[in-house]
Amino acid sequence: MYDSTTVISEKNTLFLPQELKLGGPSNWEQYCPAQKAILRINGLEDAVFGDYPPEEQQTMDQKIRAAKAAVSIRGNCTGEALSQLVGIENPQEMFNLLQAYCIGTGPVLLQTTLYQFIRIKTSSYETIPQFNVDFERLVKLLLEQKEPISDTLKKVVYLTACENEYPDWTARQRALLRSEHPPTLRSMQQDLIDENRSSDDDDSHGTASTYWAHSKKTGRKGPAARKQEASGRRRGSSKNQRAANKSSQETNHRVGKNKEHTCTNCKKRGHHENDCWFAHKDKRPDWARLRRATYGQYRDV
């Protein structure tokens, strides 16, 4: 069944020589991560990690599975990769060439990067600048792989990544893209940072973080909660402080469950104050006046 001097390519299947049959950890490093994944998908990982007896003591089922593992590395060894093995007889040299091709510079990296690029989401990052940096990193990787990416495609992927957390902002940007002078990707990135940090007009001169984090993900308290707790400490009321802490813990508990939380702005169940602030810009002036009336008395304390 095996020939120690040849490698046969048929339908992207690599038939391994006898010397490279999967025997355990001793030759496991000869297989690149993508090829390992293919073996696992095919249900053949026990051919590597299983405690098989010597071949003469193996059952027929074990022999069959070992044989399948030795010939079933599919989908990642393209014709171009296998063509580099022509004339090479040493099995170790064959796999060194395949590894060099498939790890770091070949089709595996390109497919992985494309997959990460089209699935990137703002919700996976604590801050918008972190999201922007990783977006640029993926674009750079694709360009290094000589994958053509138009400016339009970059913008479409960028807006798709933002639409779940910033639906209104995304809708505005898509409308601008249809205008006579569409925004650049750089201007969109900066505008998203500005949108994200405009958490509270009343706190924009000091308390609002420049790179305001996603409070749903990080669990950080908003400016109003921090101001309320600080005023309680300054008044020196331990009773009020304990009540504030208890209220904060209960609020965080509700926000964590999300569906049980009731927004203090719009009174909608399952809604968070920060989401409400971005979703209802027309109500911001009323909410700002309410906050000034509620917390303004403590400003000069």
C-alpha atoms as a PDB file:
ATOM      1  CA  MET A   1       0.000   0.000   0.000  1.00  0.00           C
ATOM      2  CA  TYR A   2       2.861   2.364   0.767  1.00  0.00           C
ATOM      3  CA  ASP A   3       5.875   3.351  -1.253  1.00  0.00           C
ATOM      4  CA  SER A   4       8.692   4.900   0.718  1.00  0.00           C
ATOM      5  CA  THR A   5       9.973   6.907  -2.246  1.00  0.00           C
ATOM      6  CA  THR A   6       6.832   8.439  -3.751  1.00  0.00           C
ATOM      7  CA  VAL A   7       4.069  10.796  -2.834  1.00  0.00           C
ATOM      8  CA  ILE A   8       0.887  10.533  -4.916  1.00  0.00           C
ATOM      9  CA  SER A   9      -1.506  13.460  -5.335  1.00  0.00           C
ATOM     10  CA  GLU A  10      -5.138  12.698  -6.095  1.00  0.00           C
ATOM     11  CA  LYS A  11      -8.008  15.068  -5.294  1.00  0.00           C
ATOM     12  CA  ASN A  12      -5.889  17.004  -2.822  1.00  0.00           C
ATOM     13  CA  THR A  13      -5.020  13.830  -0.883  1.00  0.00           C
ATOM     14  CA  LEU A  14      -1.461  13.318   0.267  1.00  0.00           C
ATOM     15  CA  PHE A  15      -0.478   9.641   0.425  1.00  0.00           C
ATOM     16  CA  LEU A  16       2.296   9.433   2.974  1.00  0.00           C
ATOM     17  CA  PRO A  17       5.228   7.037   2.707  1.00  0.00           C
ATOM     18  CA  GLN A  18       5.528   4.262   5.275  1.00  0.00           C
ATOM     19  CA  GLU A  19       8.248   6.107   7.220  1.00  0.00           C
ATOM     20  CA  LEU A  20       5.868   8.960   7.995  1.00  0.00           C
ATOM     21  CA  LYS A  21       2.946   6.908   9.271  1.00  0.00           C
ATOM     22  CA  LEU A  22       1.604   8.589  12.376  1.00  0.00           C
ATOM     23  CA  GLY A  23       3.272   6.766  15.197  1.00  0.00           C
ATOM     24  CA  GLY A  24       2.724   9.140  18.109  1.00  0.00           C
ATOM     25  CA  PRO A  25       4.471  12.179  19.560  1.00  0.00           C
ATOM     26  CA  SER A  26       7.787  11.115  18.031  1.00  0.00           C
ATOM     27  CA  ASN A  27       6.755  12.304  14.561  1.00  0.00           C
ATOM     28  CA  TRP A  28       3.757  14.500  15.410  1.00  0.00           C
ATOM     29  CA  GLU A  29       5.809  17.678  14.893  1.00  0.00           C
ATOM     30  CA  GLN A  30       6.048  16.821  11.191  1.00  0.00           C
ATOM     31  CA  TYR A  31       2.433  17.869  10.703  1.00  0.00           C
ATOM     32  CA  CYS A  32       1.454  21.507  10.514  1.00  0.00           C
ATOM     33  CA  PRO A  33      -1.464  22.732  12.702  1.00  0.00           C
ATOM     34  CA  ALA A  34      -3.852  22.893   9.761  1.00  0.00           C
ATOM     35  CA  GLN A  35      -3.122  19.277   8.855  1.00  0.00           C
ATOM     36  CA  LYS A  36      -3.658  18.228  12.480  1.00  0.00           C
ATOM     37  CA  ALA A  37      -7.069  19.881  12.379  1.00  0.00           C
ATOM     38  CA  ILE A  38      -7.996  17.922   9.252  1.00  0.00           C
ATOM     39  CA  LEU A  39      -7.101  14.672  11.008  1.00  0.00           C
ATOM     40  CA  ARG A  40      -9.248  15.627  13.983  1.00  0.00           C
ATOM     41  CA  ILE A  41     -12.180  16.499  11.720  1.00  0.00           C
ATOM     42  CA  ASN A  42     -11.839  13.061  10.115  1.00  0.00           C
ATOM     43  CA  GLY A  43     -11.977  11.456  13.564  1.00  0.00           C
ATOM     44  CA  LEU A  44      -8.417  10.156  13.348  1.00  0.00           C
ATOM     45  CA  GLU A  45      -6.816  11.939  16.278  1.00  0.00           C
ATOM     46  CA  ASP A  46      -6.609   8.699  18.247  1.00  0.00           C
ATOM     47  CA  ALA A  47      -4.159   7.415  15.658  1.00  0.00           C
ATOM     48  CA  VAL A  48      -1.785   9.981  17.108  1.00  0.00           C
ATOM     49  CA  PHE A  49      -2.778  10.251  20.743  1.00  0.00           C
ATOM     50  CA  GLY A  50      -4.135   6.725  21.241  1.00  0.00           C
ATOM     51  CA  ASP A  51      -1.974   4.264  23.143  1.00  0.00           C
ATOM     52  CA  TYR A  52      -1.720   1.733  20.328  1.00  0.00           C
ATOM     53  CA  PRO A  53       0.135  -1.541  20.857  1.00  0.00           C
ATOM     54  CA  PRO A  54       2.909  -2.615  18.464  1.00  0.00           C
ATOM     55  CA  GLU A  55       1.643  -3.159  14.925  1.00  0.00           C
ATOM     56  CA  GLU A  56       1.783  -6.950  15.177  1.00  0.00           C
ATOM     57  CA  GLN A  57      -0.542  -6.770  18.213  1.00  0.00           C
ATOM     58  CA  GLN A  58      -3.025  -4.274  16.758  1.00  0.00           C
ATOM     59  CA  THR A  59      -6.594  -5.233  16.009  1.00  0.00           C
ATOM     60  CA  MET A  60      -7.856  -4.941  12.451  1.00  0.00           C
ATOM     61  CA  ASP A  61      -9.809  -1.805  13.389  1.00  0.00           C
ATOM     62  CA  GLN A  62      -6.682  -0.167  14.823  1.00  0.00           C
ATOM     63  CA  LYS A  63      -4.716  -1.031  11.685  1.00  0.00           C
ATOM     64  CA  ILE A  64      -7.430   0.433   9.475  1.00  0.00           C
ATOM     65  CA  ARG A  65      -7.565   3.667  11.469  1.00  0.00           C
ATOM     66  CA  ALA A  66      -3.779   3.984  11.468  1.00  0.00           C
ATOM     67  CA  ALA A  67      -3.768   3.501   7.703  1.00  0.00           C
ATOM     68  CA  LYS A  68      -6.501   6.124   7.256  1.00  0.00           C
ATOM     69  CA  ALA A  69      -4.542   8.584   9.361  1.00  0.00           C
ATOM     70  CA  ALA A  70      -1.479   7.984   7.230  1.00  0.00           C
ATOM     71  CA  VAL A  71      -3.265   8.846   3.979  1.00  0.00           C
ATOM     72  CA  SER A  72      -5.945  11.360   5.024  1.00  0.00           C
ATOM     73  CA  ILE A  73      -4.441  14.817   5.088  1.00  0.00           C
ATOM     74  CA  ARG A  74      -6.899  16.631   2.828  1.00  0.00           C
ATOM     75  CA  GLY A  75      -7.731  20.148   1.734  1.00  0.00           C
ATOM     76  CA  ASN A  76      -4.506  21.922   2.689  1.00  0.00           C
ATOM     77  CA  CYS A  77      -2.002  20.277   0.345  1.00  0.00           C
ATOM     78  CA  THR A  78      -2.800  21.932  -2.984  1.00  0.00           C
ATOM     79  CA  GLY A  79      -1.400  20.892  -6.326  1.00  0.00           C
ATOM     80  CA  GLU A  80       1.026  23.802  -6.138  1.00  0.00           C
ATOM     81  CA  ALA A  81       2.359  22.590  -2.787  1.00  0.00           C
ATOM     82  CA  LEU A  82       2.691  18.974  -3.918  1.00  0.00           C
ATOM     83  CA  SER A  83       4.470  20.004  -7.108  1.00  0.00           C
ATOM     84  CA  GLN A  84       7.376  21.144  -4.959  1.00  0.00           C
ATOM     85  CA  LEU A  85       7.958  17.539  -3.873  1.00  0.00           C
ATOM     86  CA  VAL A  86       8.774  16.250  -7.352  1.00  0.00           C
ATOM     87  CA  GLY A  87      12.126  14.486  -7.372  1.00  0.00           C
ATOM     88  CA  ILE A  88      12.488  14.463  -3.575  1.00  0.00           C
ATOM     89  CA  GLU A  89      12.804  11.020  -2.009  1.00  0.00           C
ATOM     90  CA  ASN A  90      13.632  11.790   1.611  1.00  0.00           C
ATOM     91  CA  PRO A  91      10.377  11.810   3.640  1.00  0.00           C
ATOM     92  CA  GLN A  92      11.660  14.295   6.222  1.00  0.00           C
ATOM     93  CA  GLU A  93      12.698  16.711   3.486  1.00  0.00           C
ATOM     94  CA  MET A  94       9.258  16.388   1.913  1.00  0.00           C
ATOM     95  CA  PHE A  95       7.525  17.441   5.093  1.00  0.00           C
ATOM     96  CA  ASN A  96       9.982  20.242   5.781  1.00  0.00           C
ATOM     97  CA  LEU A  97       9.042  21.692   2.386  1.00  0.00           C
ATOM     98  CA  LEU A  98       5.316  21.242   2.986  1.00  0.00           C
ATOM     99  CA  GLN A  99       5.552  22.837   6.404  1.00  0.00           C
ATOM    100  CA  ALA A 100       7.471  25.809   5.030  1.00  0.00           C
ATOM    101  CA  TYR A 101       4.795  26.237   2.376  1.00  0.00           C
ATOM    102  CA  CYS A 102       1.729  25.775   4.572  1.00  0.00           C
ATOM    103  CA  ILE A 103       2.793  27.645   7.710  1.00  0.00           C
ATOM    104  CA  GLY A 104       3.263  31.400   7.721  1.00  0.00           C
ATOM    105  CA  THR A 105       3.197  32.231   4.027  1.00  0.00           C
ATOM    106  CA  GLY A 106       0.957  29.826   2.165  1.00  0.00           C
ATOM    107  CA  PRO A 107      -2.764  29.338   1.530  1.00  0.00           C
ATOM    108  CA  VAL A 108      -3.466  28.347   5.137  1.00  0.00           C
ATOM    109  CA  LEU A 109      -2.463  31.791   6.427  1.00  0.00           C
ATOM    110  CA  LEU A 110      -4.446  33.543   3.694  1.00  0.00           C
ATOM    111  CA  GLN A 111      -7.618  31.572   4.425  1.00  0.00           C
ATOM    112  CA  THR A 112      -7.262  32.106   8.171  1.00  0.00           C
ATOM    113  CA  THR A 113      -6.689  35.847   7.777  1.00  0.00           C
ATOM    114  CA  LEU A 114      -9.642  36.242   5.409  1.00  0.00           C
ATOM    115  CA  TYR A 115     -11.858  34.359   7.864  1.00  0.00           C
ATOM    116  CA  GLN A 116     -10.775  36.626  10.738  1.00  0.00           C
ATOM    117  CA  PHE A 117     -11.180  39.746   8.578  1.00  0.00           C
ATOM    118  CA  ILE A 118     -14.771  39.126   7.497  1.00  0.00           C
ATOM    119  CA  ARG A 119     -15.858  38.068  11.022  1.00  0.00           C
ATOM    120  CA  ILE A 120     -14.256  40.888  13.043  1.00  0.00           C
ATOM    121  CA  LYS A 121     -16.677  42.620  15.462  1.00  0.00           C
ATOM    122  CA  THR A 122     -16.378  45.634  17.759  1.00  0.00           C
ATOM    123  CA  SER A 123     -17.934  43.592  20.571  1.00  0.00           C
ATOM    124  CA  SER A 124     -14.758  41.497  20.762  1.00  0.00           C
ATOM    125  CA  TYR A 125     -12.678  44.499  21.903  1.00  0.00           C
ATOM    126  CA  GLU A 126     -12.690  46.613  25.046  1.00  0.00           C
ATOM    127  CA  THR A 127     -12.082  49.877  23.192  1.00  0.00           C
ATOM    128  CA  ILE A 128     -12.632  51.202  19.691  1.00  0.00           C
ATOM    129  CA  PRO A 129      -8.915  52.062  19.212  1.00  0.00           C
ATOM    130  CA  GLN A 130      -8.055  48.413  19.932  1.00  0.00           C
ATOM    131  CA  PHE A 131     -10.600  47.358  17.326  1.00  0.00           C
ATOM    132  CA  ASN A 132      -9.168  49.835  14.791  1.00  0.00           C
ATOM    133  CA  VAL A 133      -5.606  48.615  15.358  1.00  0.00           C
ATOM    134  CA  ASP A 134      -6.550  44.963  14.837  1.00  0.00           C
ATOM    135  CA  PHE A 135      -8.590  45.837  11.751  1.00  0.00           C
ATOM    136  CA  GLU A 136      -5.551  47.548  10.229  1.00  0.00           C
ATOM    137  CA  ARG A 137      -3.369  44.573  11.196  1.00  0.00           C
ATOM    138  CA  LEU A 138      -5.602  42.166   9.270  1.00  0.00           C
ATOM    139  CA  VAL A 139      -5.680  44.464   6.245  1.00  0.00           C
ATOM    140  CA  LYS A 140      -1.882  44.616   6.282  1.00  0.00           C
ATOM    141  CA  LEU A 141      -1.618  40.815   6.519  1.00  0.00           C
ATOM    142  CA  LEU A 142      -3.909  40.386   3.517  1.00  0.00           C
ATOM    143  CA  LEU A 143      -1.922  42.891   1.485  1.00  0.00           C
ATOM    144  CA  GLU A 144       1.286  41.057   2.384  1.00  0.00           C
ATOM    145  CA  GLN A 145      -0.343  37.905   0.990  1.00  0.00           C
ATOM    146  CA  LYS A 146      -0.953  39.863  -2.235  1.00  0.00           C
ATOM    147  CA  GLU A 147      -4.706  39.581  -1.753  1.00  0.00           C
ATOM    148  CA  PRO A 148      -6.382  42.522  -3.538  1.00  0.00           C
ATOM    149  CA  ILE A 149      -8.639  44.487  -1.185  1.00  0.00           C
ATOM    150  CA  SER A 150     -10.449  47.545  -2.503  1.00  0.00           C
ATOM    151  CA  ASP A 151     -11.224  50.560  -0.333  1.00  0.00           C
ATOM    152  CA  THR A 152     -14.923  49.824  -0.767  1.00  0.00           C
ATOM    153  CA  LEU A 153     -14.487  46.288   0.576  1.00  0.00           C
ATOM    154  CA  LYS A 154     -12.580  47.600   3.604  1.00  0.00           C
ATOM    155  CA  LYS A 155     -15.394  50.044   4.383  1.00  0.00           C
ATOM    156  CA  VAL A 156     -18.117  47.420   3.947  1.00  0.00           C
ATOM    157  CA  VAL A 157     -16.358  44.988   6.301  1.00  0.00           C
ATOM    158  CA  TYR A 158     -15.687  47.804   8.790  1.00  0.00           C
ATOM    159  CA  LEU A 159     -19.338  48.867   8.904  1.00  0.00           C
ATOM    160  CA  THR A 160     -20.528  45.266   9.165  1.00  0.00           C
ATOM    161  CA  ALA A 161     -18.265  44.863  12.200  1.00  0.00           C
ATOM    162  CA  CYS A 162     -19.902  47.900  13.851  1.00  0.00           C
ATOM    163  CA  GLU A 163     -23.580  47.492  12.995  1.00  0.00           C
ATOM    164  CA  ASN A 164     -24.623  45.385  16.010  1.00  0.00           C
ATOM    165  CA  GLU A 165     -23.323  47.819  18.638  1.00  0.00           C
ATOM    166  CA  TYR A 166     -23.681  51.065  16.659  1.00  0.00           C
ATOM    167  CA  PRO A 167     -26.707  50.642  14.346  1.00  0.00           C
ATOM    168  CA  ASP A 168     -27.546  54.350  14.002  1.00  0.00           C
ATOM    169  CA  TRP A 169     -23.948  55.347  13.354  1.00  0.00           C
ATOM    170  CA  THR A 170     -23.572  52.535  10.801  1.00  0.00           C
ATOM    171  CA  ALA A 171     -26.733  53.604   8.978  1.00  0.00           C
ATOM    172  CA  ARG A 172     -25.449  57.191   8.744  1.00  0.00           C
ATOM    173  CA  GLN A 173     -22.094  56.058   7.400  1.00  0.00           C
ATOM    174  CA  ARG A 174     -23.697  53.836   4.778  1.00  0.00           C
ATOM    175  CA  ALA A 175     -25.802  56.773   3.636  1.00  0.00           C
ATOM    176  CA  LEU A 176     -22.651  58.898   3.383  1.00  0.00           C
ATOM    177  CA  LEU A 177     -20.968  56.213   1.262  1.00  0.00           C
ATOM    178  CA  ARG A 178     -23.684  56.761  -1.347  1.00  0.00           C
ATOM    179  CA  SER A 179     -23.031  60.495  -1.447  1.00  0.00           C
ATOM    180  CA  GLU A 180     -20.919  62.375  -3.965  1.00  0.00           C
ATOM    181  CA  HIS A 181     -18.036  62.684  -1.507  1.00  0.00           C
ATOM    182  CA  PRO A 182     -17.951  59.468   0.566  1.00  0.00           C
ATOM    183  CA  PRO A 183     -15.855  59.376   3.742  1.00  0.00           C
ATOM    184  CA  THR A 184     -12.478  57.674   3.819  1.00  0.00           C
ATOM    185  CA  LEU A 185     -11.850  54.662   6.015  1.00  0.00           C
ATOM    186  CA  ARG A 186      -9.579  56.777   8.209  1.00  0.00           C
ATOM    187  CA  SER A 187     -12.287  59.388   8.751  1.00  0.00           C
ATOM    188  CA  MET A 188     -14.812  56.655   9.568  1.00  0.00           C
ATOM    189  CA  GLN A 189     -12.449  55.202  12.170  1.00  0.00           C
ATOM    190  CA  GLN A 190     -11.970  58.580  13.830  1.00  0.00           C
ATOM    191  CA  ASP A 191     -15.683  59.331  13.685  1.00  0.00           C
ATOM    192  CA  LEU A 192     -16.443  56.046  15.454  1.00  0.00           C
ATOM    193  CA  ILE A 193     -14.008  56.985  18.238  1.00  0.00           C
ATOM    194  CA  ASP A 194     -15.763  60.354  18.578  1.00  0.00           C
ATOM    195  CA  GLU A 195     -19.160  58.650  18.594  1.00  0.00           C
ATOM    196  CA  ASN A 196     -18.038  56.232  21.263  1.00  0.00           C
ATOM    197  CA  ARG A 197     -16.540  58.766  23.632  1.00  0.00           C
ATOM    198  CA  SER A 198     -19.460  61.218  23.485  1.00  0.00           C
ATOM    199  CA  SER A 199     -20.976  59.342  26.402  1.00  0.00           C
ATOM    200  CA  ASP A 200     -22.259  62.381  28.241  1.00  0.00           C
ATOM    201  CA  ASP A 201     -22.272  66.051  27.196  1.00  0.00           C
ATOM    202  CA  ASP A 202     -22.157  66.986  30.858  1.00  0.00           C
ATOM    203  CA  ASP A 203     -18.969  64.998  31.489  1.00  0.00           C
ATOM    204  CA  SER A 204     -17.135  65.734  28.260  1.00  0.00           C
ATOM    205  CA  HIS A 205     -14.731  68.214  29.897  1.00  0.00           C
ATOM    206  CA  GLY A 206     -13.105  65.839  32.317  1.00  0.00           C
ATOM    207  CA  THR A 207     -14.750  62.706  33.538  1.00  0.00           C
ATOM    208  CA  ALA A 208     -15.519  60.982  30.249  1.00  0.00           C
ATOM    209  CA  SER A 209     -12.775  58.629  29.119  1.00  0.00           C
ATOM    210  CA  THR A 210     -11.142  59.566  25.826  1.00  0.00           C
ATOM    211  CA  TYR A 211     -11.394  55.965  24.706  1.00  0.00           C
ATOM    212  CA  TRP A 212     -14.603  55.059  26.462  1.00  0.00           C
ATOM    213  CA  ALA A 213     -14.769  51.279  26.786  1.00  0.00           C
ATOM    214  CA  HIS A 214     -17.743  49.061  26.000  1.00  0.00           C
ATOM    215  CA  SER A 215     -19.313  49.028  29.453  1.00  0.00           C
ATOM    216  CA  LYS A 216     -21.430  45.967  28.630  1.00  0.00           C
ATOM    217  CA  LYS A 217     -18.311  43.922  28.047  1.00  0.00           C
ATOM    218  CA  THR A 218     -15.991  45.300  30.710  1.00  0.00           C
ATOM    219  CA  GLY A 219     -18.552  45.878  33.457  1.00  0.00           C
ATOM    220  CA  ARG A 220     -17.140  49.356  34.124  1.00  0.00           C
ATOM    221  CA  LYS A 221     -19.399  51.873  35.816  1.00  0.00           C
ATOM    222  CA  GLY A 222     -20.554  54.907  33.887  1.00  0.00           C
ATOM    223  CA  PRO A 223     -19.691  58.539  34.777  1.00  0.00           C
ATOM    224  CA  ALA A 224     -22.962  59.108  36.670  1.00  0.00           C
ATOM    225  CA  ALA A 225     -22.454  56.069  38.917  1.00  0.00           C
ATOM    226  CA  ARG A 226     -18.855  57.049  39.647  1.00  0.00           C
ATOM    227  CA  LYS A 227     -19.910  60.636  40.486  1.00  0.00           C
ATOM    228  CA  GLN A 228     -22.677  59.455  42.796  1.00  0.00           C
ATOM    229  CA  GLU A 229     -20.337  57.169  44.730  1.00  0.00           C
ATOM    230  CA  ALA A 230     -17.681  59.892  44.995  1.00  0.00           C
ATOM    231  CA  SER A 231     -20.187  62.405  46.386  1.00  0.00           C
ATOM    232  CA  GLY A 232     -21.301  59.866  48.984  1.00  0.00           C
ATOM    233  CA  ARG A 233     -17.726  59.383  50.148  1.00  0.00           C
ATOM    234  CA  ARG A 234     -17.128  63.140  50.398  1.00  0.00           C
ATOM    235  CA  ARG A 235     -20.189  63.554  52.606  1.00  0.00           C
ATOM    236  CA  GLY A 236     -18.708  60.912  54.914  1.00  0.00           C
ATOM    237  CA  SER A 237     -21.926  58.975  55.265  1.00  0.00           C
ATOM    238  CA  SER A 238     -21.028  55.329  55.696  1.00  0.00           C
ATOM    239  CA  LYS A 239     -24.702  54.407  55.607  1.00  0.00           C
ATOM    240  CA  ASN A 240     -25.209  56.108  52.260  1.00  0.00           C
ATOM    241  CA  GLN A 241     -22.007  54.534  50.991  1.00  0.00           C
ATOM    242  CA  ARG A 242     -23.182  51.035  51.887  1.00  0.00           C
ATOM    243  CA  ALA A 243     -26.508  51.719  50.209  1.00  0.00           C
ATOM    244  CA  ALA A 244     -24.754  53.018  47.095  1.00  0.00           C
ATOM    245  CA  ASN A 245     -22.502  49.971  46.967  1.00  0.00           C
ATOM    246  CA  LYS A 246     -25.471  47.652  47.387  1.00  0.00           C
ATOM    247  CA  SER A 247     -27.367  49.480  44.652  1.00  0.00           C
ATOM    248  CA  SER A 248     -24.318  49.341  42.384  1.00  0.00           C
ATOM    249  CA  GLN A 249     -23.893  45.609  42.954  1.00  0.00           C
ATOM    250  CA  GLU A 250     -27.559  44.975  42.250  1.00  0.00           C
ATOM    251  CA  THR A 251     -27.387  47.115  39.116  1.00  0.00           C
ATOM    252  CA  ASN A 252     -24.299  45.306  37.863  1.00  0.00           C
ATOM    253  CA  HIS A 253     -26.023  41.992  38.580  1.00  0.00           C
ATOM    254  CA  ARG A 254     -29.016  43.043  36.523  1.00  0.00           C
ATOM    255  CA  VAL A 255     -26.883  44.419  33.701  1.00  0.00           C
ATOM    256  CA  GLY A 256     -24.929  41.192  33.620  1.00  0.00           C
ATOM    257  CA  LYS A 257     -28.137  39.279  33.009  1.00  0.00           C
ATOM    258  CA  ASN A 258     -29.099  41.990  30.499  1.00  0.00           C
ATOM    259  CA  LYS A 259     -32.679  40.810  29.900  1.00  0.00           C
ATOM    260  CA  GLU A 260     -33.668  41.534  33.506  1.00  0.00           C
ATOM    261  CA  HIS A 261     -32.214  45.042  33.553  1.00  0.00           C
ATOM    262  CA  THR A 262     -34.570  48.012  33.106  1.00  0.00           C
ATOM    263  CA  CYS A 263     -33.076  51.148  31.554  1.00  0.00           C
ATOM    264  CA  THR A 264     -33.405  54.177  33.843  1.00  0.00           C
ATOM    265  CA  ASN A 265     -33.688  56.471  30.813  1.00  0.00           C
ATOM    266  CA  CYS A 266     -36.309  54.916  28.553  1.00  0.00           C
ATOM    267  CA  LYS A 267     -37.727  52.436  31.141  1.00  0.00           C
ATOM    268  CA  LYS A 268     -37.348  49.638  28.588  1.00  0.00           C
ATOM    269  CA  ARG A 269     -36.728  46.173  30.011  1.00  0.00           C
ATOM    270  CA  GLY A 270     -33.579  44.459  28.772  1.00  0.00           C
ATOM    271  CA  HIS A 271     -32.058  47.782  27.661  1.00  0.00           C
ATOM    272  CA  HIS A 272     -28.860  49.350  29.017  1.00  0.00           C
ATOM    273  CA  GLU A 273     -28.359  53.052  29.711  1.00  0.00           C
ATOM    274  CA  ASN A 274     -25.292  53.289  27.468  1.00  0.00           C
ATOM    275  CA  ASP A 275     -27.159  51.666  24.560  1.00  0.00           C
ATOM    276  CA  CYS A 276     -30.057  54.028  25.164  1.00  0.00           C
ATOM    277  CA  TRP A 277     -27.743  57.041  25.056  1.00  0.00           C
ATOM    278  CA  PHE A 278     -26.489  56.109  21.603  1.00  0.00           C
ATOM    279  CA  ALA A 279     -29.846  54.964  20.252  1.00  0.00           C
ATOM    280  CA  HIS A 280     -31.923  58.017  21.270  1.00  0.00           C
ATOM    281  CA  LYS A 281     -29.885  61.119  20.461  1.00  0.00           C
ATOM    282  CA  ASP A 282     -33.028  63.231  20.331  1.00  0.00           C
ATOM    283  CA  LYS A 283     -33.580  62.647  24.058  1.00  0.00           C
ATOM    284  CA  ARG A 284     -30.044  63.507  25.174  1.00  0.00           C
ATOM    285  CA  PRO A 285     -30.808  67.168  26.075  1.00  0.00           C
ATOM    286  CA  ASP A 286     -33.663  66.110  28.388  1.00  0.00           C
ATOM    287  CA  TRP A 287     -31.532  63.439  30.047  1.00  0.00           C
ATOM    288  CA  ALA A 288     -28.626  65.870  30.430  1.00  0.00           C
ATOM    289  CA  ARG A 289     -30.900  68.403  32.168  1.00  0.00           C
ATOM    290  CA  LEU A 290     -32.204  65.651  34.439  1.00  0.00           C
ATOM    291  CA  ARG A 291     -28.672  64.635  35.389  1.00  0.00           C
ATOM    292  CA  ARG A 292     -27.683  68.218  36.096  1.00  0.00           C
ATOM    293  CA  ALA A 293     -30.741  68.614  38.317  1.00  0.00           C
ATOM    294  CA  THR A 294     -29.969  65.349  40.116  1.00  0.00           C
ATOM    295  CA  TYR A 295     -26.208  65.622  40.585  1.00  0.00           C
ATOM    296  CA  GLY A 296     -25.497  69.335  40.149  1.00  0.00           C
ATOM    297  CA  GLN A 297     -25.917  70.032  43.874  1.00  0.00           C
ATOM    298  CA  TYR A 298     -22.822  67.939  44.623  1.00  0.00           C
ATOM    299  CA  ARG A 299     -20.451  69.578  42.178  1.00  0.00           C
ATOM    300  CA  ASP A 300     -19.007  72.128  44.573  1.00  0.00           C
ATOM    301  CA  VAL A 301     -19.052  69.966  47.664  1.00  0.00           C
END
